[in-house]
Structures are given as structure tokens and as C-alpha cells.
N, C-alpha and C. Protein backbone atom coordinates (compact mmCIF):
# COMPACT_ATOMS: atom_id res chain seq x y z
N MET A 1 13.48 4.63 -143.30
CA MET A 1 12.67 5.69 -142.18
C MET A 1 13.56 6.29 -141.10
N SER A 2 13.13 7.64 -140.94
CA SER A 2 13.99 8.29 -139.65
C SER A 2 13.93 7.65 -138.29
N LYS A 3 14.28 7.56 -137.17
CA LYS A 3 13.96 7.95 -135.83
C LYS A 3 12.61 8.08 -135.71
N LYS A 4 13.08 9.49 -135.90
CA LYS A 4 11.56 10.50 -135.54
C LYS A 4 10.32 9.62 -136.10
N LYS A 5 10.23 8.98 -137.22
CA LYS A 5 8.74 8.42 -138.25
C LYS A 5 8.52 7.42 -137.34
N ILE A 6 9.81 6.23 -137.24
CA ILE A 6 9.49 5.44 -136.30
C ILE A 6 9.03 5.26 -134.97
N LYS A 7 9.23 6.23 -134.13
CA LYS A 7 9.03 6.61 -133.19
C LYS A 7 7.28 7.19 -132.75
N ILE A 8 7.16 8.03 -133.79
CA ILE A 8 6.04 8.54 -133.95
C ILE A 8 4.84 6.96 -134.20
N ARG A 9 5.04 6.60 -135.10
CA ARG A 9 4.24 5.25 -135.40
C ARG A 9 3.98 4.22 -134.55
N TYR A 10 4.97 4.45 -133.53
CA TYR A 10 4.92 3.04 -132.21
C TYR A 10 4.14 4.13 -131.22
N ILE A 11 4.17 4.92 -131.24
CA ILE A 11 3.60 6.10 -130.21
C ILE A 11 2.07 5.77 -130.55
N ILE A 12 1.49 6.11 -131.65
CA ILE A 12 0.30 6.17 -132.90
C ILE A 12 -0.46 4.63 -132.49
N PHE A 13 0.44 3.67 -132.42
CA PHE A 13 0.12 2.32 -132.11
C PHE A 13 -0.17 1.91 -130.92
N VAL A 14 0.55 2.30 -129.88
CA VAL A 14 0.72 2.28 -128.57
C VAL A 14 -0.81 2.69 -128.12
N LEU A 15 -1.47 3.86 -128.90
CA LEU A 15 -2.20 4.77 -128.54
C LEU A 15 -3.16 4.17 -128.81
N ILE A 16 -3.74 3.39 -130.19
CA ILE A 16 -4.85 2.67 -130.68
C ILE A 16 -4.70 1.82 -130.09
N THR A 17 -3.74 1.06 -129.64
CA THR A 17 -4.06 -0.51 -128.70
C THR A 17 -4.43 -0.28 -127.38
N MET A 18 -3.89 0.69 -126.66
CA MET A 18 -4.73 1.48 -125.19
C MET A 18 -6.30 1.76 -125.27
N GLY A 19 -6.25 2.53 -126.73
CA GLY A 19 -8.10 2.83 -126.85
C GLY A 19 -8.59 1.61 -126.79
N VAL A 20 -8.39 0.60 -127.62
CA VAL A 20 -8.88 -0.46 -128.04
C VAL A 20 -9.24 -1.46 -126.64
N ILE A 21 -8.34 -1.68 -125.86
CA ILE A 21 -8.44 -2.66 -124.66
C ILE A 21 -9.52 -1.33 -123.92
N PHE A 22 -9.12 -0.62 -123.69
CA PHE A 22 -10.14 0.66 -122.79
C PHE A 22 -11.23 0.31 -123.11
N PHE A 23 -11.77 0.54 -124.57
CA PHE A 23 -12.85 1.21 -124.86
C PHE A 23 -13.82 -0.49 -125.06
N GLY A 24 -12.97 -1.76 -125.11
CA GLY A 24 -13.35 -2.79 -124.97
C GLY A 24 -14.11 -3.40 -123.60
N LYS A 25 -13.32 -2.34 -122.41
CA LYS A 25 -13.53 -3.11 -121.50
C LYS A 25 -15.11 -2.28 -120.81
N ILE A 26 -15.03 -0.94 -121.59
CA ILE A 26 -15.95 0.26 -121.38
C ILE A 26 -17.61 -0.78 -121.25
N THR A 27 -17.51 -1.32 -122.94
CA THR A 27 -18.60 -1.42 -124.11
C THR A 27 -19.24 -3.24 -123.38
N ARG A 28 -18.25 -3.86 -122.60
CA ARG A 28 -18.51 -5.19 -122.35
C ARG A 28 -19.57 -5.45 -121.15
N LEU A 29 -20.66 -6.09 -121.73
CA LEU A 29 -22.03 -6.43 -120.51
C LEU A 29 -21.48 -7.39 -119.65
N ASP A 30 -21.44 -7.03 -118.13
CA ASP A 30 -20.91 -8.35 -117.74
C ASP A 30 -22.22 -8.89 -117.25
N ASN A 31 -22.56 -10.11 -116.81
CA ASN A 31 -23.57 -11.31 -116.08
C ASN A 31 -24.19 -10.49 -115.45
N LEU A 32 -25.53 -10.14 -114.69
CA LEU A 32 -25.85 -9.93 -113.86
C LEU A 32 -25.75 -10.95 -112.47
N ASN A 33 -25.32 -10.36 -111.33
CA ASN A 33 -25.39 -11.39 -110.17
C ASN A 33 -25.93 -11.23 -109.20
N ALA A 34 -27.38 -12.42 -109.24
CA ALA A 34 -28.59 -12.13 -108.65
C ALA A 34 -28.12 -11.96 -106.88
N GLU A 35 -26.92 -12.42 -106.41
CA GLU A 35 -26.82 -12.11 -105.05
C GLU A 35 -26.73 -10.83 -104.89
N LYS A 36 -26.00 -10.03 -105.57
CA LYS A 36 -25.86 -8.44 -105.40
C LYS A 36 -27.36 -7.84 -105.31
N ILE A 37 -27.85 -8.34 -106.26
CA ILE A 37 -29.30 -7.47 -107.03
C ILE A 37 -30.19 -6.87 -105.23
N ALA A 38 -30.68 -5.60 -105.17
CA ALA A 38 -31.16 -5.51 -103.96
C ALA A 38 -33.04 -5.43 -104.34
N GLY A 39 -32.94 -5.06 -105.86
CA GLY A 39 -34.24 -5.40 -106.00
C GLY A 39 -34.15 -4.97 -107.60
N ILE A 40 -35.40 -4.87 -108.20
CA ILE A 40 -35.75 -5.03 -109.27
C ILE A 40 -36.92 -4.16 -109.46
N ILE A 41 -37.11 -3.15 -110.57
CA ILE A 41 -38.47 -2.81 -110.74
C ILE A 41 -38.81 -2.70 -112.26
N LEU A 42 -39.59 -3.65 -112.79
CA LEU A 42 -39.86 -3.78 -114.02
C LEU A 42 -41.15 -3.29 -114.38
N VAL A 43 -40.84 -2.74 -115.76
CA VAL A 43 -41.58 -1.82 -116.31
C VAL A 43 -42.44 -2.64 -117.51
N SER A 44 -43.80 -2.70 -117.41
CA SER A 44 -44.53 -3.06 -118.62
C SER A 44 -45.50 -1.69 -118.86
N PRO A 45 -45.85 -0.81 -119.50
CA PRO A 45 -46.43 0.26 -119.64
C PRO A 45 -47.60 0.05 -119.58
N PRO A 46 -48.61 0.64 -118.91
CA PRO A 46 -48.56 1.54 -118.01
C PRO A 46 -48.36 1.07 -116.41
N TYR A 47 -47.96 0.07 -116.27
CA TYR A 47 -47.78 -0.46 -114.87
C TYR A 47 -46.10 -0.98 -114.83
N LYS A 48 -46.02 -0.82 -113.27
CA LYS A 48 -44.49 -1.90 -113.05
C LYS A 48 -44.87 -2.60 -111.70
N LYS A 49 -43.73 -3.51 -111.98
CA LYS A 49 -43.80 -4.43 -110.46
C LYS A 49 -42.35 -4.21 -109.68
N ARG A 50 -42.48 -4.35 -108.46
CA ARG A 50 -41.03 -4.17 -108.00
C ARG A 50 -41.21 -5.43 -107.03
N ILE A 51 -39.44 -5.93 -108.07
CA ILE A 51 -39.33 -7.48 -107.58
C ILE A 51 -38.57 -7.34 -106.49
N THR A 52 -38.42 -7.80 -105.08
CA THR A 52 -37.90 -8.02 -104.05
C THR A 52 -37.41 -9.65 -103.55
N ASP A 53 -38.34 -10.44 -104.31
CA ASP A 53 -37.91 -12.10 -103.90
C ASP A 53 -36.56 -12.76 -104.53
N ARG A 54 -36.28 -13.11 -103.57
CA ARG A 54 -34.67 -13.49 -104.44
C ARG A 54 -35.33 -14.46 -105.48
N GLN A 55 -36.45 -15.61 -105.72
CA GLN A 55 -36.45 -16.48 -106.31
C GLN A 55 -36.78 -15.53 -107.63
N GLU A 56 -37.46 -14.67 -107.51
CA GLU A 56 -37.48 -13.89 -108.96
C GLU A 56 -36.26 -13.27 -109.43
N ILE A 57 -35.93 -12.71 -108.31
CA ILE A 57 -34.62 -12.17 -108.74
C ILE A 57 -33.78 -12.74 -109.81
N GLU A 58 -33.84 -14.00 -109.41
CA GLU A 58 -32.76 -15.33 -109.79
C GLU A 58 -33.33 -15.69 -111.04
N GLU A 59 -34.69 -15.59 -111.53
CA GLU A 59 -34.97 -15.93 -112.55
C GLU A 59 -35.25 -14.91 -113.90
N PHE A 60 -34.86 -13.69 -113.64
CA PHE A 60 -34.73 -12.62 -114.35
C PHE A 60 -33.59 -12.53 -114.51
N THR A 61 -32.52 -13.13 -113.86
CA THR A 61 -30.86 -12.66 -114.06
C THR A 61 -30.66 -13.94 -115.01
N SER A 62 -31.36 -14.92 -114.63
CA SER A 62 -30.89 -16.24 -115.71
C SER A 62 -31.06 -15.86 -117.39
N LEU A 63 -32.87 -15.51 -116.79
CA LEU A 63 -33.79 -14.98 -118.22
C LEU A 63 -32.71 -13.84 -119.21
N PHE A 64 -31.86 -13.08 -118.37
CA PHE A 64 -31.10 -11.81 -118.68
C PHE A 64 -30.00 -12.44 -119.57
N ASN A 65 -29.24 -13.07 -118.32
CA ASN A 65 -27.93 -13.61 -118.69
C ASN A 65 -28.11 -14.60 -119.42
N GLU A 66 -28.94 -15.30 -120.00
CA GLU A 66 -28.61 -16.37 -121.05
C GLU A 66 -28.66 -16.12 -122.59
N ARG A 67 -28.73 -15.14 -122.76
CA ARG A 67 -28.70 -14.45 -124.14
C ARG A 67 -27.25 -13.66 -124.02
N LYS A 68 -27.01 -14.03 -125.56
CA LYS A 68 -25.66 -13.29 -125.81
C LYS A 68 -26.01 -11.62 -126.39
N LYS A 69 -24.88 -11.03 -125.79
CA LYS A 69 -25.29 -9.86 -126.29
C LYS A 69 -23.89 -8.68 -126.51
N LYS A 70 -23.88 -8.12 -127.89
CA LYS A 70 -22.75 -7.65 -128.31
C LYS A 70 -23.07 -6.21 -128.30
N PRO A 71 -22.23 -5.19 -128.06
CA PRO A 71 -22.10 -3.74 -128.64
C PRO A 71 -22.36 -3.41 -129.92
N VAL A 72 -23.23 -2.14 -130.03
CA VAL A 72 -23.46 -1.86 -131.18
C VAL A 72 -23.45 -0.08 -131.59
N PHE A 73 -22.75 0.05 -132.17
CA PHE A 73 -22.85 1.92 -132.29
C PHE A 73 -23.70 2.34 -133.00
N SER A 74 -24.74 3.07 -132.04
CA SER A 74 -25.39 4.05 -133.16
C SER A 74 -26.28 5.63 -132.75
N ILE A 75 -26.27 6.26 -133.19
CA ILE A 75 -26.27 7.51 -132.99
C ILE A 75 -28.53 7.66 -133.17
N ILE A 76 -28.91 6.73 -133.57
CA ILE A 76 -30.16 6.73 -133.53
C ILE A 76 -31.07 6.25 -132.85
N ASN A 77 -31.83 7.05 -131.95
CA ASN A 77 -32.99 6.66 -130.61
C ASN A 77 -33.78 5.91 -131.44
N SER A 78 -34.14 4.53 -130.67
CA SER A 78 -34.91 3.60 -130.85
C SER A 78 -36.63 4.46 -130.65
N SER A 79 -37.34 4.29 -131.07
CA SER A 79 -39.11 4.94 -131.32
C SER A 79 -39.62 4.14 -130.33
N GLY A 80 -39.18 3.19 -129.72
CA GLY A 80 -40.04 2.49 -128.77
C GLY A 80 -39.56 1.73 -127.82
N TRP A 81 -40.01 1.26 -126.65
CA TRP A 81 -39.98 -0.07 -126.11
C TRP A 81 -40.81 -0.77 -125.25
N SER A 82 -40.79 -2.12 -125.15
CA SER A 82 -41.76 -2.85 -124.16
C SER A 82 -41.77 -3.25 -123.26
N LYS A 83 -40.14 -2.94 -122.64
CA LYS A 83 -40.19 -3.44 -121.48
C LYS A 83 -39.00 -2.65 -120.49
N ARG A 84 -38.87 -1.99 -119.32
CA ARG A 84 -38.23 -1.58 -118.47
C ARG A 84 -37.18 -2.49 -117.50
N ALA A 85 -36.22 -2.41 -117.19
CA ALA A 85 -35.74 -3.02 -116.02
C ALA A 85 -35.18 -1.84 -115.15
N ILE A 86 -35.55 -1.45 -113.97
CA ILE A 86 -34.27 -0.62 -113.33
C ILE A 86 -33.72 -1.52 -112.03
N ILE A 87 -32.51 -1.97 -112.17
CA ILE A 87 -32.25 -2.83 -111.44
C ILE A 87 -31.04 -2.18 -110.39
N THR A 88 -31.08 -2.40 -108.81
CA THR A 88 -30.29 -1.50 -108.12
C THR A 88 -29.28 -2.73 -107.01
N THR A 89 -28.31 -2.22 -107.15
CA THR A 89 -27.59 -3.14 -106.12
C THR A 89 -26.68 -2.18 -105.35
N GLU A 90 -25.86 -3.07 -104.34
CA GLU A 90 -25.20 -2.01 -103.53
C GLU A 90 -24.39 -1.01 -104.09
N THR A 91 -23.92 -1.03 -104.98
CA THR A 91 -22.98 0.20 -105.69
C THR A 91 -22.91 0.59 -107.14
N TYR A 92 -24.32 0.20 -107.65
CA TYR A 92 -24.45 -0.10 -109.01
C TYR A 92 -26.01 0.20 -109.40
N GLN A 93 -26.63 1.02 -110.13
CA GLN A 93 -27.70 0.70 -110.56
C GLN A 93 -27.90 0.88 -112.19
N TYR A 94 -28.74 -0.23 -112.70
CA TYR A 94 -28.81 -0.52 -114.18
C TYR A 94 -29.69 0.39 -114.71
N ASP A 95 -30.12 0.56 -115.69
CA ASP A 95 -31.41 1.11 -116.35
C ASP A 95 -31.60 0.43 -117.71
N ILE A 96 -32.40 -0.63 -118.08
CA ILE A 96 -31.96 -1.69 -119.24
C ILE A 96 -33.64 -1.59 -119.97
N ILE A 97 -33.39 -1.25 -121.27
CA ILE A 97 -34.42 -0.87 -121.95
C ILE A 97 -34.13 -1.84 -122.68
N PHE A 98 -35.83 -2.79 -122.74
CA PHE A 98 -35.97 -3.77 -124.11
C PHE A 98 -36.79 -3.22 -125.29
N CYS A 99 -36.23 -3.69 -126.50
CA CYS A 99 -37.00 -3.59 -127.79
C CYS A 99 -36.37 -4.87 -128.82
N GLY A 100 -37.32 -5.54 -128.48
CA GLY A 100 -36.80 -6.76 -129.75
C GLY A 100 -35.82 -7.37 -128.89
N GLU A 101 -34.80 -7.62 -130.07
CA GLU A 101 -33.09 -7.79 -130.26
C GLU A 101 -32.51 -6.81 -129.29
N ASN A 102 -33.06 -5.54 -129.54
CA ASN A 102 -31.81 -4.59 -128.95
C ASN A 102 -32.48 -4.15 -127.90
N ILE A 103 -31.49 -3.52 -126.74
CA ILE A 103 -31.26 -3.74 -125.61
C ILE A 103 -30.52 -2.14 -124.96
N THR A 104 -30.89 -1.32 -124.22
CA THR A 104 -29.53 -0.27 -124.01
C THR A 104 -29.61 -0.52 -122.49
N VAL A 105 -28.44 -0.30 -121.97
CA VAL A 105 -28.18 -0.43 -120.71
C VAL A 105 -27.43 0.99 -119.88
N ASN A 106 -27.88 1.63 -119.65
CA ASN A 106 -27.27 2.41 -119.30
C ASN A 106 -27.12 3.58 -120.35
N ARG A 107 -27.46 3.63 -121.33
CA ARG A 107 -27.57 4.68 -122.37
C ARG A 107 -26.33 3.77 -123.85
N GLN A 108 -25.75 2.79 -123.27
CA GLN A 108 -24.77 1.85 -124.24
C GLN A 108 -25.94 0.78 -124.75
N LYS A 109 -25.75 0.71 -126.00
CA LYS A 109 -26.64 -0.27 -126.88
C LYS A 109 -25.91 -1.37 -127.24
N TYR A 110 -27.05 -2.41 -127.03
CA TYR A 110 -26.43 -3.67 -127.34
C TYR A 110 -27.44 -4.33 -128.39
N VAL A 111 -27.09 -5.81 -129.20
CA VAL A 111 -27.98 -6.47 -129.60
C VAL A 111 -27.79 -7.63 -128.84
N MET A 112 -28.94 -8.42 -128.61
CA MET A 112 -29.14 -10.07 -128.16
C MET A 112 -29.21 -11.00 -129.77
N ASP A 113 -29.09 -11.94 -129.07
CA ASP A 113 -28.76 -13.20 -130.10
C ASP A 113 -30.45 -13.65 -130.85
N GLU A 114 -31.46 -13.37 -130.07
CA GLU A 114 -32.50 -13.19 -130.41
C GLU A 114 -33.59 -12.11 -129.00
N SER A 115 -34.96 -12.07 -129.88
CA SER A 115 -35.70 -11.23 -128.85
C SER A 115 -36.05 -11.99 -127.48
N ILE A 116 -36.40 -11.02 -126.44
CA ILE A 116 -36.69 -11.14 -125.33
C ILE A 116 -37.85 -10.98 -124.56
N ASP A 117 -38.59 -10.36 -125.74
CA ASP A 117 -39.60 -9.74 -125.49
C ASP A 117 -41.10 -10.95 -124.59
N SER A 118 -41.08 -12.01 -125.86
CA SER A 118 -42.14 -12.56 -125.34
C SER A 118 -42.23 -13.22 -123.66
N GLU A 119 -40.37 -13.47 -123.75
CA GLU A 119 -40.48 -14.12 -122.29
C GLU A 119 -40.51 -12.88 -121.13
N LEU A 120 -40.16 -12.13 -121.38
CA LEU A 120 -40.24 -10.91 -120.53
C LEU A 120 -41.40 -10.50 -120.23
N GLU A 121 -42.67 -10.86 -121.07
CA GLU A 121 -44.14 -10.61 -120.98
C GLU A 121 -44.24 -11.52 -119.87
N GLN A 122 -44.41 -12.89 -120.36
CA GLN A 122 -44.51 -14.11 -119.59
C GLN A 122 -43.92 -13.87 -118.25
N PHE A 123 -42.77 -14.16 -117.92
CA PHE A 123 -42.03 -13.50 -116.79
C PHE A 123 -43.22 -12.31 -116.16
N TYR A 124 -43.48 -10.84 -116.34
CA TYR A 124 -44.07 -10.23 -115.89
C TYR A 124 -45.04 -10.78 -114.93
N GLN A 125 -46.21 -11.54 -116.42
CA GLN A 125 -47.34 -11.72 -115.85
C GLN A 125 -47.22 -12.80 -115.07
N SER A 126 -46.19 -13.51 -114.54
CA SER A 126 -46.43 -14.87 -113.55
C SER A 126 -45.59 -14.17 -111.92
N LEU A 127 -45.25 -13.03 -112.21
CA LEU A 127 -44.79 -12.68 -110.90
C LEU A 127 -45.89 -12.30 -109.82
N ASN A 128 -45.84 -12.44 -108.58
CA ASN A 128 -46.72 -12.37 -107.46
C ASN A 128 -46.50 -11.16 -106.81
N GLU A 129 -45.98 -10.12 -107.74
CA GLU A 129 -45.85 -8.97 -106.87
C GLU A 129 -47.15 -7.94 -107.40
N THR A 130 -47.34 -6.60 -106.70
CA THR A 130 -48.81 -6.03 -107.01
C THR A 130 -47.93 -4.65 -107.89
N GLU A 131 -49.07 -4.77 -108.98
CA GLU A 131 -48.90 -3.78 -110.11
C GLU A 131 -48.88 -2.33 -109.80
N GLU A 132 -48.48 -1.82 -109.96
CA GLU A 132 -48.40 0.14 -109.46
C GLU A 132 -48.42 0.83 -110.74
N LYS A 133 -49.10 1.78 -110.73
CA LYS A 133 -49.14 2.75 -112.00
C LYS A 133 -47.73 3.10 -112.05
N TYR A 134 -46.88 2.93 -113.47
CA TYR A 134 -46.00 3.63 -113.78
C TYR A 134 -45.91 5.10 -114.33
N ASN A 135 -45.24 6.10 -113.77
CA ASN A 135 -45.66 7.24 -114.04
C ASN A 135 -44.58 7.71 -115.70
């Protein structure tokens, strides 16, 4: 094999490796840190509740962080959802849509090890926050 072909293969290998590492960092979903969350809007159509209580924020983050999540690649949009959480931190906003074992976090799709829907419904009902109409 010529030196030119070896060099081209090496460059392709390096680019692919860099792409895999970079893409892995983009798709990795870190655990939510309750201390950094300023507030959560939890939507249960047709209503929503605003969560600012530290204990309730910690309960939500524990519920979310307990489940393993892995990225999936799909061009198909889901046809519905059961709950939605809009989470605000000092530097970032998460928009999480729940549908059974599937979740979408800021348009990136993930699948969890099990459904979170019933626990989210129980959590929503247990909140001491006032329900507001969700637009």
C-alpha cells in the first residue's frame, strides 16, 4: 500500500473517532442537579403546576435521575405525550416530554429502562401547588 493511501485511511480513522467522541458527549444526558434548578413547570394537560419548593424539586430530580436513559435515533415524531417538564436553571432550560418509556429532552430522543408515567401522575397529584390552565 502506498504512503498516500495509508495517510488517507489514518485521517479517516481519526475523523471517525473524533466524531464518535464528540457525538457521544452531545447525546449523553447528565443527571439533573436539584441545587441548580430555579423552578419547574410540570404540565399535565390541560393544566400545569409551578414547582419552586426545594423538597418538591429534589423529589422530581430523584424520580427523573433514578431511571437509566439511552439515546435513540428516530426521525418519527411521537403522536402524544402524558407529561411535560420545563426546567429552568441559572444557565440552561430543559424541555422534557414524557411518553411511556420514551422521553425527549430539548428535541433529543431517549428511551428509559421503564415507564415513568404513573409515578409522574402520582407526583403531580401530590404537589401542593395551584393548578393553572396550560395553553
